[in-house]
Amino acid sequence: MSPDPRFDGPGPEEVWLTALKEGRFLLQHCRTCHACRFPPALVCGACGSSEIEWKEASGRGTIYSTTTVRERDNNYNVSLVDLAEGARMMSRVDGVSPDEVRIGMEVQARIVAEPEPIVLFAPSAGGAS
């Protein structure tokens, strides 16, 4: 029995974090069914294939849903973003008040160190769709 190549080298989470540290926003794409997935995993969530490759993301997305988290000193939003590539990820939209984030709003990703790098979004020039 030959070893499973999915376990050779760094795991999906490590690849994702290393890319972010390098300022690159990567997403996994299935070579079998062409689905894009997030969060990173060893197999495609759509078809179960292990034929996964990493591709640079456009960073473009649309708000699918959002909520405002209200704290005594600070309010912020938690949003689900439908990425142009087809995956959905949870993040937040910065640059506007949490109450201004709307479903359908077009956003653009950026990588921010907080202290580890994360993907955040800002409203894009296109606004709401």
Protein backbone atom coordinates (compact mmCIF):
# COMPACT_ATOMS: atom_id res chain seq x y z
CA MET A 1 0.00 0.00 0.00
CA SER A 2 1.49 3.35 -1.03
CA PRO A 3 1.48 6.32 1.35
CA ASP A 4 -1.29 8.89 0.99
CA PRO A 5 0.19 12.02 -0.69
CA ARG A 6 -2.23 14.27 1.21
CA PHE A 7 -0.06 13.79 4.27
CA ASP A 8 3.23 14.74 2.58
CA GLY A 9 4.47 18.17 3.59
CA PRO A 10 2.58 20.87 5.45
CA GLY A 11 -1.15 20.50 6.11
CA PRO A 12 -3.80 22.76 4.57
CA GLU A 13 -4.01 25.08 7.59
CA GLU A 14 -0.24 25.61 7.57
CA VAL A 15 -0.22 26.35 3.82
CA TRP A 16 -3.05 28.88 4.32
CA LEU A 17 -1.29 30.67 7.22
CA THR A 18 2.09 30.70 5.47
CA ALA A 19 0.51 32.29 2.39
CA LEU A 20 -1.19 34.95 4.54
CA LYS A 21 2.14 35.75 6.20
CA GLU A 22 3.56 36.25 2.70
CA GLY A 23 0.67 38.59 1.85
CA ARG A 24 -1.11 36.09 -0.40
CA PHE A 25 -4.81 35.16 -0.17
CA LEU A 26 -5.10 31.59 -1.47
CA LEU A 27 -8.13 29.33 -1.85
CA GLN A 28 -8.37 25.63 -2.56
CA HIS A 29 -9.87 24.46 -5.85
CA CYS A 30 -10.88 20.89 -6.66
CA ARG A 31 -9.34 19.51 -9.84
CA THR A 32 -12.17 16.94 -10.11
CA CYS A 33 -15.39 18.98 -9.71
CA HIS A 34 -13.88 22.52 -9.86
CA ALA A 35 -15.47 23.57 -6.56
CA CYS A 36 -13.71 26.21 -4.48
CA ARG A 37 -13.60 25.66 -0.75
CA PHE A 38 -12.94 27.43 2.49
CA PRO A 39 -11.77 26.65 5.14
CA PRO A 40 -8.78 24.64 3.89
CA ALA A 41 -9.12 20.86 4.11
CA LEU A 42 -7.54 17.65 2.85
CA VAL A 43 -10.46 16.77 0.56
CA CYS A 44 -13.09 18.58 -1.49
CA GLY A 45 -16.26 19.19 0.49
CA ALA A 46 -18.37 18.85 -2.66
CA CYS A 47 -17.12 15.56 -4.15
CA GLY A 48 -14.61 14.13 -1.65
CA SER A 49 -11.70 14.21 -4.09
CA SER A 50 -8.19 14.68 -2.74
CA GLU A 51 -7.14 16.40 -5.98
CA ILE A 52 -6.90 19.88 -4.48
CA GLU A 53 -4.81 22.80 -5.72
CA TRP A 54 -4.17 26.27 -4.33
CA LYS A 55 -4.95 29.36 -6.41
CA GLU A 56 -4.66 33.08 -5.73
CA ALA A 57 -8.04 34.57 -4.77
CA SER A 58 -9.35 37.75 -6.38
CA GLY A 59 -10.40 39.07 -2.98
CA ARG A 60 -13.76 40.18 -4.37
CA GLY A 61 -16.89 39.19 -2.51
CA THR A 62 -20.48 40.00 -1.58
CA ILE A 63 -21.98 40.08 1.90
CA TYR A 64 -24.26 37.06 2.34
CA SER A 65 -25.25 37.84 5.93
CA THR A 66 -24.08 40.08 8.75
CA THR A 67 -24.69 40.82 12.39
CA THR A 68 -23.44 43.48 14.76
CA VAL A 69 -21.75 42.38 17.95
CA ARG A 70 -22.33 45.03 20.60
CA GLU A 71 -19.85 45.39 23.40
CA ARG A 72 -19.56 48.04 26.06
CA ASP A 73 -16.52 49.72 24.47
CA ASN A 74 -16.71 48.64 20.85
CA ASN A 75 -19.21 47.37 18.28
CA TYR A 76 -18.14 45.30 15.30
CA ASN A 77 -19.74 43.18 12.59
CA VAL A 78 -19.38 39.51 11.86
CA SER A 79 -20.19 38.77 8.22
CA LEU A 80 -20.43 35.81 5.90
CA VAL A 81 -18.86 36.74 2.58
CA ASP A 82 -19.59 34.92 -0.68
CA LEU A 83 -16.26 35.06 -2.51
CA ALA A 84 -16.18 35.55 -6.28
CA GLU A 85 -14.58 32.11 -6.60
CA GLY A 86 -17.61 30.42 -5.01
CA ALA A 87 -16.49 29.75 -1.43
CA ARG A 88 -18.03 31.42 1.61
CA MET A 89 -15.99 32.66 4.56
CA MET A 90 -16.66 34.35 7.88
CA SER A 91 -14.85 37.61 8.55
CA ARG A 92 -15.67 41.24 9.23
CA VAL A 93 -15.98 44.43 7.20
CA ASP A 94 -13.80 47.32 8.31
CA GLY A 95 -13.84 50.94 7.21
CA VAL A 96 -17.53 51.54 7.90
CA SER A 97 -19.78 51.45 10.94
CA PRO A 98 -21.05 47.91 11.70
CA ASP A 99 -24.61 49.17 11.12
CA GLU A 100 -23.68 50.21 7.55
CA VAL A 101 -22.74 46.68 6.46
CA ARG A 102 -25.58 45.35 4.31
CA ILE A 103 -26.48 42.08 2.62
CA GLY A 104 -25.47 42.37 -1.04
CA MET A 105 -22.68 44.88 -0.33
CA GLU A 106 -19.66 44.33 -2.57
CA VAL A 107 -16.42 44.02 -0.62
CA GLN A 108 -12.70 43.57 -1.25
CA ALA A 109 -10.37 41.47 0.89
CA ARG A 110 -7.14 42.60 2.46
CA ILE A 111 -4.70 40.84 4.75
CA VAL A 112 -4.13 42.43 8.16
CA ALA A 113 -1.76 41.36 10.95
CA GLU A 114 -3.72 41.18 14.25
CA PRO A 115 -1.08 39.98 15.46
CA GLU A 116 -1.33 36.92 13.19
CA PRO A 117 -2.43 37.65 9.62
CA ILE A 118 -6.16 37.42 8.89
CA VAL A 119 -8.41 38.27 5.95
CA LEU A 120 -10.68 41.27 6.49
CA PHE A 121 -12.91 43.06 4.02
CA ALA A 122 -13.64 46.66 3.13
CA PRO A 123 -16.49 48.03 1.00
CA SER A 124 -15.47 48.07 -2.64
CA ALA A 125 -16.07 50.95 -5.03
CA GLY A 126 -19.02 49.01 -6.47
CA GLY A 127 -21.06 49.32 -3.24
CA ALA A 128 -24.25 47.24 -2.98
CA SER A 129 -25.26 44.92 -5.78
